[in-house]
PDB file of all heavy atoms in Angstrom:
ATOM      1  N   ASP A   1    -156.114  31.272-273.667  1.00  0.00           N
ATOM      2  CA  ASP A   1    -156.735  29.961-273.470  1.00  0.00           C
ATOM      3  C   ASP A   1    -155.745  29.072-272.703  1.00  0.00           C
ATOM      4  O   ASP A   1    -154.741  28.639-273.265  1.00  0.00           O
ATOM      5  CB  ASP A   1    -157.061  29.302-274.834  1.00  0.00           C
ATOM      6  CG  ASP A   1    -157.852  28.017-274.682  1.00  0.00           C
ATOM      7  OD1 ASP A   1    -157.893  27.484-273.550  1.00  0.00           O
ATOM      8  OD2 ASP A   1    -158.420  27.569-275.684  1.00  0.00           O
ATOM      9  N   PRO A   2    -156.037  28.760-271.445  1.00  0.00           N
ATOM     10  CA  PRO A   2    -155.092  27.973-270.648  1.00  0.00           C
ATOM     11  C   PRO A   2    -155.033  26.516-271.036  1.00  0.00           C
ATOM     12  O   PRO A   2    -154.134  25.794-270.613  1.00  0.00           O
ATOM     13  CB  PRO A   2    -155.606  28.164-269.229  1.00  0.00           C
ATOM     14  CG  PRO A   2    -157.054  28.378-269.387  1.00  0.00           C
ATOM     15  CD  PRO A   2    -157.239  29.147-270.668  1.00  0.00           C
ATOM     16  N   ASP A   3    -156.018  26.083-271.838  1.00  0.00           N
ATOM     17  CA  ASP A   3    -156.021  24.680-272.253  1.00  0.00           C
ATOM     18  C   ASP A   3    -155.114  24.428-273.462  1.00  0.00           C
ATOM     19  O   ASP A   3    -154.918  23.275-273.850  1.00  0.00           O
ATOM     20  CB  ASP A   3    -157.442  24.233-272.594  1.00  0.00           C
ATOM     21  CG  ASP A   3    -158.333  24.238-271.380  1.00  0.00           C
ATOM     22  OD1 ASP A   3    -157.822  23.932-270.270  1.00  0.00           O
ATOM     23  OD2 ASP A   3    -159.517  24.587-271.487  1.00  0.00           O
ATOM     24  N   GLU A   4    -154.600  25.488-274.065  1.00  0.00           N
ATOM     25  CA  GLU A   4    -153.686  25.361-275.185  1.00  0.00           C
ATOM     26  C   GLU A   4    -152.332  25.895-274.761  1.00  0.00           C
ATOM     27  O   GLU A   4    -152.120  27.111-274.688  1.00  0.00           O
ATOM     28  CB  GLU A   4    -154.208  26.089-276.427  1.00  0.00           C
ATOM     29  CG  GLU A   4    -155.447  25.495-277.016  1.00  0.00           C
ATOM     30  CD  GLU A   4    -155.697  25.987-278.415  1.00  0.00           C
ATOM     31  OE1 GLU A   4    -154.705  26.345-279.124  1.00  0.00           O
ATOM     32  OE2 GLU A   4    -156.873  26.020-278.834  1.00  0.00           O
ATOM     33  N   PRO A   5    -151.385  25.030-274.425  1.00  0.00           N
ATOM     34  CA  PRO A   5    -150.086  25.486-273.925  1.00  0.00           C
ATOM     35  C   PRO A   5    -149.363  26.339-274.945  1.00  0.00           C
ATOM     36  O   PRO A   5    -149.556  26.207-276.159  1.00  0.00           O
ATOM     37  CB  PRO A   5    -149.316  24.176-273.680  1.00  0.00           C
ATOM     38  CG  PRO A   5    -150.370  23.115-273.556  1.00  0.00           C
ATOM     39  CD  PRO A   5    -151.486  23.563-274.461  1.00  0.00           C
ATOM     40  N   PRO A   6    -148.529  27.275-274.490  1.00  0.00           N
ATOM     41  CA  PRO A   6    -147.718  28.058-275.429  1.00  0.00           C
ATOM     42  C   PRO A   6    -146.802  27.131-276.204  1.00  0.00           C
ATOM     43  O   PRO A   6    -146.393  26.084-275.724  1.00  0.00           O
ATOM     44  CB  PRO A   6    -146.963  29.029-274.509  1.00  0.00           C
ATOM     45  CG  PRO A   6    -146.910  28.311-273.191  1.00  0.00           C
ATOM     46  CD  PRO A   6    -148.174  27.554-273.076  1.00  0.00           C
ATOM     47  N   ARG A   7    -146.444  27.570-277.410  1.00  0.00           N
ATOM     48  CA  ARG A   7    -145.516  26.735-278.203  1.00  0.00           C
ATOM     49  C   ARG A   7    -144.603  27.635-278.996  1.00  0.00           C
ATOM     50  O   ARG A   7    -144.824  28.839-279.141  1.00  0.00           O
ATOM     51  CB  ARG A   7    -146.295  25.783-279.088  1.00  0.00           C
ATOM     52  CG  ARG A   7    -147.157  26.380-280.153  1.00  0.00           C
ATOM     53  CD  ARG A   7    -148.112  25.379-280.752  1.00  0.00           C
ATOM     54  NE  ARG A   7    -148.760  25.898-281.972  1.00  0.00           N
ATOM     55  CZ  ARG A   7    -148.455  25.567-283.213  1.00  0.00           C
ATOM     56  NH1 ARG A   7    -147.488  24.659-283.423  1.00  0.00           N
ATOM     57  NH2 ARG A   7    -149.094  26.053-284.265  1.00  0.00           N
ATOM     58  N   LEU A   8    -143.583  27.006-279.574  1.00  0.00           N
ATOM     59  CA  LEU A   8    -142.601  27.709-280.344  1.00  0.00           C
ATOM     60  C   LEU A   8    -142.915  27.514-281.821  1.00  0.00           C
ATOM     61  O   LEU A   8    -142.991  26.378-282.321  1.00  0.00           O
ATOM     62  CB  LEU A   8    -141.191  27.151-280.008  1.00  0.00           C
ATOM     63  CG  LEU A   8    -139.980  28.030-280.351  1.00  0.00           C
ATOM     64  CD1 LEU A   8    -140.019  29.344-279.592  1.00  0.00           C
ATOM     65  CD2 LEU A   8    -138.684  27.272-280.040  1.00  0.00           C
ATOM     66  N   VAL A   9    -143.113  28.608-282.565  1.00  0.00           N
ATOM     67  CA  VAL A   9    -143.415  28.570-283.979  1.00  0.00           C
ATOM     68  C   VAL A   9    -142.446  29.488-284.714  1.00  0.00           C
ATOM     69  O   VAL A   9    -142.438  30.714-284.475  1.00  0.00           O
ATOM     70  CB  VAL A   9    -144.872  29.012-284.254  1.00  0.00           C
ATOM     71  CG1 VAL A   9    -145.147  29.023-285.760  1.00  0.00           C
ATOM     72  CG2 VAL A   9    -145.852  28.083-283.534  1.00  0.00           C
ATOM     73  N   ASP A  10    -141.634  28.915-285.568  1.00  0.00           N
ATOM     74  CA  ASP A  10    -140.657  29.708-286.335  1.00  0.00           C
ATOM     75  C   ASP A  10    -139.800  30.595-285.432  1.00  0.00           C
ATOM     76  O   ASP A  10    -139.542  31.772-285.725  1.00  0.00           O
ATOM     77  CB  ASP A  10    -141.366  30.556-287.397  1.00  0.00           C
ATOM     78  CG  ASP A  10    -142.073  29.701-288.421  1.00  0.00           C
ATOM     79  OD1 ASP A  10    -141.610  28.598-288.717  1.00  0.00           O
ATOM     80  OD2 ASP A  10    -143.117  30.156-288.936  1.00  0.00           O
ATOM     81  N   GLY A  11    -139.408  30.041-284.301  1.00  0.00           N
ATOM     82  CA  GLY A  11    -138.510  30.740-283.399  1.00  0.00           C
ATOM     83  C   GLY A  11    -139.198  31.740-282.460  1.00  0.00           C
ATOM     84  O   GLY A  11    -138.524  32.384-281.641  1.00  0.00           O
ATOM     85  N   ARG A  12    -140.539  31.844-282.536  1.00  0.00           N
ATOM     86  CA  ARG A  12    -141.268  32.762-281.663  1.00  0.00           C
ATOM     87  C   ARG A  12    -142.207  32.002-280.782  1.00  0.00           C
ATOM     88  O   ARG A  12    -142.823  31.008-281.195  1.00  0.00           O
ATOM     89  CB  ARG A  12    -142.050  33.802-282.480  1.00  0.00           C
ATOM     90  CG  ARG A  12    -141.170  34.691-283.364  1.00  0.00           C
ATOM     91  CD  ARG A  12    -141.930  35.901-283.867  1.00  0.00           C
ATOM     92  NE  ARG A  12    -142.186  36.863-282.755  1.00  0.00           N
ATOM     93  CZ  ARG A  12    -142.839  38.002-282.915  1.00  0.00           C
ATOM     94  NH1 ARG A  12    -143.340  38.332-284.094  1.00  0.00           N
ATOM     95  NH2 ARG A  12    -142.998  38.830-281.896  1.00  0.00           N
ATOM     96  N   VAL A  13    -142.346  32.453-279.533  1.00  0.00           N
ATOM     97  CA  VAL A  13    -143.298  31.876-278.604  1.00  0.00           C
ATOM     98  C   VAL A  13    -144.675  32.458-278.902  1.00  0.00           C
ATOM     99  O   VAL A  13    -144.848  33.689-278.995  1.00  0.00           O
ATOM    100  CB  VAL A  13    -142.891  32.178-277.145  1.00  0.00           C
ATOM    101  CG1 VAL A  13    -143.966  31.670-276.198  1.00  0.00           C
ATOM    102  CG2 VAL A  13    -141.557  31.536-276.823  1.00  0.00           C
ATOM    103  N   VAL A  14    -145.662  31.560-279.067  1.00  0.00           N
ATOM    104  CA  VAL A  14    -147.024  32.023-279.358  1.00  0.00           C
ATOM    105  C   VAL A  14    -147.996  31.438-278.358  1.00  0.00           C
ATOM    106  O   VAL A  14    -147.767  30.366-277.782  1.00  0.00           O
ATOM    107  CB  VAL A  14    -147.457  31.631-280.794  1.00  0.00           C
ATOM    108  CG1 VAL A  14    -146.526  32.253-281.835  1.00  0.00           C
ATOM    109  CG2 VAL A  14    -147.535  30.115-280.951  1.00  0.00           C
ATOM    110  N   VAL A  15    -149.119  32.190-278.149  1.00  0.00           N
ATOM    111  CA  VAL A  15    -150.204  31.690-277.301  1.00  0.00           C
ATOM    112  C   VAL A  15    -151.523  31.921-278.050  1.00  0.00           C
ATOM    113  O   VAL A  15    -151.624  32.774-278.930  1.00  0.00           O
ATOM    114  CB  VAL A  15    -150.271  32.423-275.942  1.00  0.00           C
ATOM    115  CG1 VAL A  15    -149.082  32.035-275.078  1.00  0.00           C
ATOM    116  CG2 VAL A  15    -150.332  33.935-276.135  1.00  0.00           C
ATOM    117  N   HIS A  16    -152.542  31.132-277.690  1.00  0.00           N
ATOM    118  CA  HIS A  16    -153.851  31.265-278.303  1.00  0.00           C
ATOM    119  C   HIS A  16    -154.654  32.281-277.511  1.00  0.00           C
ATOM    120  O   HIS A  16    -154.911  32.078-276.312  1.00  0.00           O
ATOM    121  CB  HIS A  16    -154.551  29.898-278.310  1.00  0.00           C
ATOM    122  CG  HIS A  16    -155.752  29.859-279.213  1.00  0.00           C
ATOM    123  ND1 HIS A  16    -156.193  28.716-279.783  1.00  0.00           N
ATOM    124  CD2 HIS A  16    -156.627  30.847-279.614  1.00  0.00           C
ATOM    125  CE1 HIS A  16    -157.264  28.965-280.515  1.00  0.00           C
ATOM    126  NE2 HIS A  16    -157.537  30.244-280.413  1.00  0.00           N
ATOM    127  N   LEU A  17    -155.083  33.358-278.163  1.00  0.00           N
ATOM    128  CA  LEU A  17    -155.826  34.437-277.520  1.00  0.00           C
ATOM    129  C   LEU A  17    -157.216  34.588-278.069  1.00  0.00           C
ATOM    130  O   LEU A  17    -157.516  34.236-279.202  1.00  0.00           O
ATOM    131  CB  LEU A  17    -155.073  35.773-277.717  1.00  0.00           C
ATOM    132  CG  LEU A  17    -153.672  35.909-277.114  1.00  0.00           C
ATOM    133  CD1 LEU A  17    -153.118  37.292-277.408  1.00  0.00           C
ATOM    134  CD2 LEU A  17    -153.672  35.611-275.616  1.00  0.00           C
ATOM    135  N   ARG A  18    -158.089  35.105-277.221  1.00  0.00           N
ATOM    136  CA  ARG A  18    -159.456  35.443-277.605  1.00  0.00           C
ATOM    137  C   ARG A  18    -159.731  36.857-277.149  1.00  0.00           C
ATOM    138  O   ARG A  18    -159.346  37.240-276.050  1.00  0.00           O
ATOM    139  CB  ARG A  18    -160.435  34.446-276.961  1.00  0.00           C
ATOM    140  CG  ARG A  18    -161.905  34.665-277.402  1.00  0.00           C
ATOM    141  CD  ARG A  18    -162.791  33.607-276.792  1.00  0.00           C
ATOM    142  NE  ARG A  18    -162.526  32.288-277.368  1.00  0.00           N
ATOM    143  CZ  ARG A  18    -163.074  31.839-278.496  1.00  0.00           C
ATOM    144  NH1 ARG A  18    -163.866  32.628-279.190  1.00  0.00           N
ATOM    145  NH2 ARG A  18    -162.795  30.622-278.923  1.00  0.00           N
ATOM    146  N   GLN A  19    -160.412  37.604-277.979  1.00  0.00           N
ATOM    147  CA  GLN A  19    -160.774  38.971-277.623  1.00  0.00           C
ATOM    148  C   GLN A  19    -161.878  38.990-276.566  1.00  0.00           C
ATOM    149  O   GLN A  19    -162.791  38.170-276.609  1.00  0.00           O
ATOM    150  CB  GLN A  19    -161.247  39.743-278.859  1.00  0.00           C
ATOM    151  CG  GLN A  19    -161.542  41.202-278.642  1.00  0.00           C
ATOM    152  CD  GLN A  19    -161.989  41.911-279.911  1.00  0.00           C
ATOM    153  OE1 GLN A  19    -161.921  41.312-280.983  1.00  0.00           O
ATOM    154  NE2 GLN A  19    -162.423  43.145-279.773  1.00  0.00           N
ATOM    155  N   VAL A  20    -161.771  39.912-275.632  1.00  0.00           N
ATOM    156  CA  VAL A  20    -162.836  40.100-274.653  1.00  0.00           C
ATOM    157  C   VAL A  20    -164.030  40.653-275.374  1.00  0.00           C
ATOM    158  O   VAL A  20    -163.939  41.552-276.222  1.00  0.00           O
ATOM    159  CB  VAL A  20    -162.381  41.054-273.558  1.00  0.00           C
ATOM    160  CG1 VAL A  20    -163.503  41.324-272.578  1.00  0.00           C
ATOM    161  CG2 VAL A  20    -161.167  40.503-272.815  1.00  0.00           C
ATOM    162  N   ALA A  21    -165.208  40.109-275.067  1.00  0.00           N
ATOM    163  CA  ALA A  21    -166.425  40.597-275.700  1.00  0.00           C
ATOM    164  C   ALA A  21    -166.639  42.082-275.448  1.00  0.00           C
ATOM    165  O   ALA A  21    -166.531  42.527-274.286  1.00  0.00           O
ATOM    166  CB  ALA A  21    -167.629  39.814-275.195  1.00  0.00           C
ATOM    167  N   ALA A  22    -166.913  42.818-276.478  1.00  0.00           N
ATOM    168  CA  ALA A  22    -167.102  44.273-276.353  1.00  0.00           C
ATOM    169  C   ALA A  22    -168.375  44.528-275.554  1.00  0.00           C
ATOM    170  O   ALA A  22    -169.347  43.783-275.571  1.00  0.00           O
ATOM    171  CB  ALA A  22    -167.206  44.890-277.734  1.00  0.00           C
ATOM    172  N   SER A  23    -168.394  45.657-274.833  1.00  0.00           N
ATOM    173  CA  SER A  23    -169.537  46.029-274.023  1.00  0.00           C
ATOM    174  C   SER A  23    -169.719  47.549-274.052  1.00  0.00           C
ATOM    175  O   SER A  23    -168.747  48.293-274.055  1.00  0.00           O
ATOM    176  CB  SER A  23    -169.361  45.549-272.587  1.00  0.00           C
ATOM    177  OG  SER A  23    -170.363  46.079-271.748  1.00  0.00           O
ATOM    178  N   ASP A  24    -170.953  47.973-274.055  1.00  0.00           N
ATOM    179  CA  ASP A  24    -171.222  49.401-273.980  1.00  0.00           C
ATOM    180  C   ASP A  24    -171.893  49.761-272.661  1.00  0.00           C
ATOM    181  O   ASP A  24    -172.617  50.749-272.539  1.00  0.00           O
ATOM    182  CB  ASP A  24    -172.109  49.848-275.169  1.00  0.00           C
ATOM    183  CG  ASP A  24    -173.450  49.079-275.203  1.00  0.00           C
ATOM    184  OD1 ASP A  24    -173.652  48.200-274.319  1.00  0.00           O
ATOM    185  OD2 ASP A  24    -174.243  49.391-276.090  1.00  0.00           O
ATOM    186  N   ARG A  25    -171.633  48.963-271.605  1.00  0.00           N
ATOM    187  CA  ARG A  25    -172.242  49.188-270.302  1.00  0.00           C
ATOM    188  C   ARG A  25    -171.785  50.540-269.751  1.00  0.00           C
ATOM    189  O   ARG A  25    -170.661  50.992-269.970  1.00  0.00           O
ATOM    190  CB  ARG A  25    -171.821  48.077-269.317  1.00  0.00           C
ATOM    191  CG  ARG A  25    -172.438  46.712-269.622  1.00  0.00           C
ATOM    192  CD  ARG A  25    -172.369  45.817-268.399  1.00  0.00           C
ATOM    193  NE  ARG A  25    -170.996  45.655-267.898  1.00  0.00           N
ATOM    194  CZ  ARG A  25    -170.245  44.607-268.161  1.00  0.00           C
ATOM    195  NH1 ARG A  25    -170.708  43.615-268.929  1.00  0.00           N
ATOM    196  NH2 ARG A  25    -169.049  44.491-267.670  1.00  0.00           N
ATOM    197  N   THR A  26    -172.675  51.145-269.017  1.00  0.00           N
ATOM    198  CA  THR A  26    -172.334  52.448-268.370  1.00  0.00           C
ATOM    199  C   THR A  26    -171.870  52.287-266.935  1.00  0.00           C
ATOM    200  O   THR A  26    -171.584  53.262-266.244  1.00  0.00           O
ATOM    201  CB  THR A  26    -173.576  53.365-268.390  1.00  0.00           C
ATOM    202  OG1 THR A  26    -174.648  52.720-267.679  1.00  0.00           O
ATOM    203  CG2 THR A  26    -173.995  53.678-269.816  1.00  0.00           C
ATOM    204  N   TRP A  27    -171.787  51.040-266.485  1.00  0.00           N
ATOM    205  CA  TRP A  27    -171.357  50.737-265.086  1.00  0.00           C
ATOM    206  C   TRP A  27    -170.463  49.513-265.169  1.00  0.00           C
ATOM    207  O   TRP A  27    -170.854  48.521-265.829  1.00  0.00           O
ATOM    208  CB  TRP A  27    -172.568  50.503-264.215  1.00  0.00           C
ATOM    209  CG  TRP A  27    -172.293  50.175-262.762  1.00  0.00           C
ATOM    210  CD1 TRP A  27    -172.588  48.997-262.131  1.00  0.00           C
ATOM    211  CD2 TRP A  27    -171.694  50.978-261.802  1.00  0.00           C
ATOM    212  NE1 TRP A  27    -172.210  49.047-260.836  1.00  0.00           N
ATOM    213  CE2 TRP A  27    -171.645  50.284-260.569  1.00  0.00           C
ATOM    214  CE3 TRP A  27    -171.151  52.308-261.804  1.00  0.00           C
ATOM    215  CZ2 TRP A  27    -171.118  50.809-259.401  1.00  0.00           C
ATOM    216  CZ3 TRP A  27    -170.647  52.821-260.627  1.00  0.00           C
ATOM    217  CH2 TRP A  27    -170.617  52.089-259.445  1.00  0.00           C
ATOM    218  N   PRO A  28    -169.247  49.524-264.592  1.00  0.00           N
ATOM    219  CA  PRO A  28    -168.301  48.427-264.834  1.00  0.00           C
ATOM    220  C   PRO A  28    -168.523  47.188-263.980  1.00  0.00           C
ATOM    221  O   PRO A  28    -167.636  46.330-263.903  1.00  0.00           O
ATOM    222  CB  PRO A  28    -166.947  49.083-264.479  1.00  0.00           C
ATOM    223  CG  PRO A  28    -167.286  50.079-263.449  1.00  0.00           C
ATOM    224  CD  PRO A  28    -168.630  50.628-263.827  1.00  0.00           C
ATOM    225  N   TYR A  29    -169.666  47.025-263.352  1.00  0.00           N
ATOM    226  CA  TYR A  29    -169.943  45.894-262.498  1.00  0.00           C
ATOM    227  C   TYR A  29    -171.284  45.250-262.925  1.00  0.00           C
ATOM    228  O   TYR A  29    -172.196  45.936-263.402  1.00  0.00           O
ATOM    229  CB  TYR A  29    -170.001  46.305-261.032  1.00  0.00           C
ATOM    230  CG  TYR A  29    -168.812  47.108-260.611  1.00  0.00           C
ATOM    231  CD1 TYR A  29    -168.901  48.495-260.537  1.00  0.00           C
ATOM    232  CD2 TYR A  29    -167.610  46.507-260.297  1.00  0.00           C
ATOM    233  CE1 TYR A  29    -167.783  49.280-260.175  1.00  0.00           C
ATOM    234  CE2 TYR A  29    -166.486  47.233-259.927  1.00  0.00           C
ATOM    235  CZ  TYR A  29    -166.581  48.628-259.873  1.00  0.00           C
ATOM    236  OH  TYR A  29    -165.490  49.350-259.516  1.00  0.00           O
ATOM    237  N   THR A  30    -171.392  43.916-262.708  1.00  0.00           N
ATOM    238  CA  THR A  30    -172.633  43.209-263.082  1.00  0.00           C
ATOM    239  C   THR A  30    -172.979  42.233-261.966  1.00  0.00           C
ATOM    240  O   THR A  30    -172.212  42.026-261.030  1.00  0.00           O
ATOM    241  CB  THR A  30    -172.451  42.435-264.397  1.00  0.00           C
ATOM    242  OG1 THR A  30    -171.530  41.347-264.194  1.00  0.00           O
ATOM    243  CG2 THR A  30    -171.945  43.312-265.512  1.00  0.00           C
ATOM    244  N   ASP A  31    -174.133  41.585-262.127  1.00  0.00           N
ATOM    245  CA  ASP A  31    -174.568  40.625-261.114  1.00  0.00           C
ATOM    246  C   ASP A  31    -174.103  39.211-261.429  1.00  0.00           C
ATOM    247  O   ASP A  31    -174.525  38.254-260.776  1.00  0.00           O
ATOM    248  CB  ASP A  31    -176.107  40.652-260.975  1.00  0.00           C
ATOM    249  CG  ASP A  31    -176.782  40.355-262.295  1.00  0.00           C
ATOM    250  OD1 ASP A  31    -176.067  40.100-263.300  1.00  0.00           O
ATOM    251  OD2 ASP A  31    -178.036  40.395-262.345  1.00  0.00           O
ATOM    252  N   GLY A  32    -173.213  39.070-262.409  1.00  0.00           N
ATOM    253  CA  GLY A  32    -172.698  37.743-262.723  1.00  0.00           C
ATOM    254  C   GLY A  32    -171.536  37.860-263.733  1.00  0.00           C
ATOM    255  O   GLY A  32    -171.314  38.928-264.309  1.00  0.00           O
ATOM    256  N   PRO A  33    -170.756  36.796-263.872  1.00  0.00           N
ATOM    257  CA  PRO A  33    -169.601  36.873-264.791  1.00  0.00           C
ATOM    258  C   PRO A  33    -170.061  37.024-266.248  1.00  0.00           C
ATOM    259  O   PRO A  33    -171.124  36.507-266.634  1.00  0.00           O
ATOM    260  CB  PRO A  33    -168.878  35.533-264.576  1.00  0.00           C
ATOM    261  CG  PRO A  33    -169.952  34.623-264.062  1.00  0.00           C
ATOM    262  CD  PRO A  33    -170.894  35.475-263.250  1.00  0.00           C
ATOM    263  N   ALA A  34    -169.246  37.722-267.029  1.00  0.00           N
ATOM    264  CA  ALA A  34    -169.512  37.824-268.467  1.00  0.00           C
ATOM    265  C   ALA A  34    -169.407  36.458-269.118  1.00  0.00           C
ATOM    266  O   ALA A  34    -168.471  35.699-268.842  1.00  0.00           O
ATOM    267  CB  ALA A  34    -168.531  38.798-269.100  1.00  0.00           C
ATOM    268  N   ARG A  35    -170.358  36.121-269.967  1.00  0.00           N
ATOM    269  CA  ARG A  35    -170.373  34.820-270.564  1.00  0.00           C
ATOM    270  C   ARG A  35    -170.192  34.850-272.098  1.00  0.00           C
ATOM    271  O   ARG A  35    -169.812  33.853-272.677  1.00  0.00           O
ATOM    272  CB  ARG A  35    -171.701  34.090-270.249  1.00  0.00           C
ATOM    273  CG  ARG A  35    -171.904  33.882-268.756  1.00  0.00           C
ATOM    274  CD  ARG A  35    -173.147  33.085-268.476  1.00  0.00           C
ATOM    275  NE  ARG A  35    -173.409  32.919-267.037  1.00  0.00           N
ATOM    276  CZ  ARG A  35    -172.770  32.045-266.281  1.00  0.00           C
ATOM    277  NH1 ARG A  35    -171.902  31.208-266.816  1.00  0.00           N
ATOM    278  NH2 ARG A  35    -173.057  31.961-264.975  1.00  0.00           N
ATOM    279  N   ALA A  36    -170.462  35.973-272.700  1.00  0.00           N
ATOM    280  CA  ALA A  36    -170.364  36.013-274.166  1.00  0.00           C
ATOM    281  C   ALA A  36    -168.917  35.965-274.602  1.00  0.00           C
ATOM    282  O   ALA A  36    -168.135  36.809-274.209  1.00  0.00           O
ATOM    283  CB  ALA A  36    -171.017  37.282-274.674  1.00  0.00           C
ATOM    284  N   PRO A  37    -168.500  34.963-275.396  1.00  0.00           N
ATOM    285  CA  PRO A  37    -167.145  34.897-275.864  1.00  0.00           C
ATOM    286  C   PRO A  37    -166.884  35.963-276.921  1.00  0.00           C
ATOM    287  O   PRO A  37    -167.757  36.353-277.682  1.00  0.00           O
ATOM    288  CB  PRO A  37    -167.038  33.486-276.449  1.00  0.00           C
ATOM    289  CG  PRO A  37    -168.418  33.189-276.917  1.00  0.00           C
ATOM    290  CD  PRO A  37    -169.331  33.836-275.908  1.00  0.00           C
ATOM    291  N   GLY A  38    -165.626  36.448-276.963  1.00  0.00           N
ATOM    292  CA  GLY A  38    -165.223  37.388-277.984  1.00  0.00           C
ATOM    293  C   GLY A  38    -164.658  36.666-279.186  1.00  0.00           C
ATOM    294  O   GLY A  38    -164.635  35.436-279.255  1.00  0.00           O
ATOM    295  N   ALA A  39    -164.133  37.427-280.095  1.00  0.00           N
ATOM    296  CA  ALA A  39    -163.554  36.857-281.338  1.00  0.00           C
ATOM    297  C   ALA A  39    -162.339  36.054-281.009  1.00  0.00           C
ATOM    298  O   ALA A  39    -161.517  36.378-280.147  1.00  0.00           O
ATOM    299  CB  ALA A  39    -163.231  37.977-282.315  1.00  0.00           C
ATOM    300  N   ASP A  40    -162.167  34.950-281.767  1.00  0.00           N
ATOM    301  CA  ASP A  40    -160.957  34.098-281.646  1.00  0.00           C
ATOM    302  C   ASP A  40    -159.858  34.755-282.446  1.00  0.00           C
ATOM    303  O   ASP A  40    -159.940  34.916-283.656  1.00  0.00           O
ATOM    304  CB  ASP A  40    -161.279  32.706-282.173  1.00  0.00           C
ATOM    305  CG  ASP A  40    -160.181  31.719-281.903  1.00  0.00           C
ATOM    306  OD1 ASP A  40    -159.016  32.182-281.681  1.00  0.00           O
ATOM    307  OD2 ASP A  40    -160.440  30.515-281.920  1.00  0.00           O
ATOM    308  N   LEU A  41    -158.778  35.124-281.777  1.00  0.00           N
ATOM    309  CA  LEU A  41    -157.665  35.789-282.451  1.00  0.00           C
ATOM    310  C   LEU A  41    -156.609  34.848-282.926  1.00  0.00           C
ATOM    311  O   LEU A  41    -155.637  35.266-283.596  1.00  0.00           O
ATOM    312  CB  LEU A  41    -157.025  36.808-281.493  1.00  0.00           C
ATOM    313  CG  LEU A  41    -157.949  37.919-280.951  1.00  0.00           C
ATOM    314  CD1 LEU A  41    -157.193  38.791-279.974  1.00  0.00           C
ATOM    315  CD2 LEU A  41    -158.491  38.739-282.096  1.00  0.00           C
ATOM    316  N   GLY A  42    -156.756  33.537-282.584  1.00  0.00           N
ATOM    317  CA  GLY A  42    -155.758  32.551-283.009  1.00  0.00           C
ATOM    318  C   GLY A  42    -154.463  32.708-282.216  1.00  0.00           C
ATOM    319  O   GLY A  42    -154.446  33.231-281.102  1.00  0.00           O
ATOM    320  N   GLU A  43    -153.380  32.244-282.804  1.00  0.00           N
ATOM    321  CA  GLU A  43    -152.062  32.286-282.104  1.00  0.00           C
ATOM    322  C   GLU A  43    -151.386  33.634-282.344  1.00  0.00           C
ATOM    323  O   GLU A  43    -151.216  34.089-283.498  1.00  0.00           O
ATOM    324  CB  GLU A  43    -151.188  31.134-282.585  1.00  0.00           C
ATOM    325  CG  GLU A  43    -151.674  29.781-282.114  1.00  0.00           C
ATOM    326  CD  GLU A  43    -150.727  28.653-282.468  1.00  0.00           C
ATOM    327  OE1 GLU A  43    -150.128  28.693-283.556  1.00  0.00           O
ATOM    328  OE2 GLU A  43    -150.597  27.712-281.638  1.00  0.00           O
TER     329      GLU A  43
END
């Protein structure tokens, strides 16, 4: 998430990540960008 800057927590650098939405497509290309958000993984 580029809107949440990295920060230092207990001496470690952390970033806020989100999982890419899972897909069972048989072709790796589509007619538009993926819009479904994946799971929020937190920092």
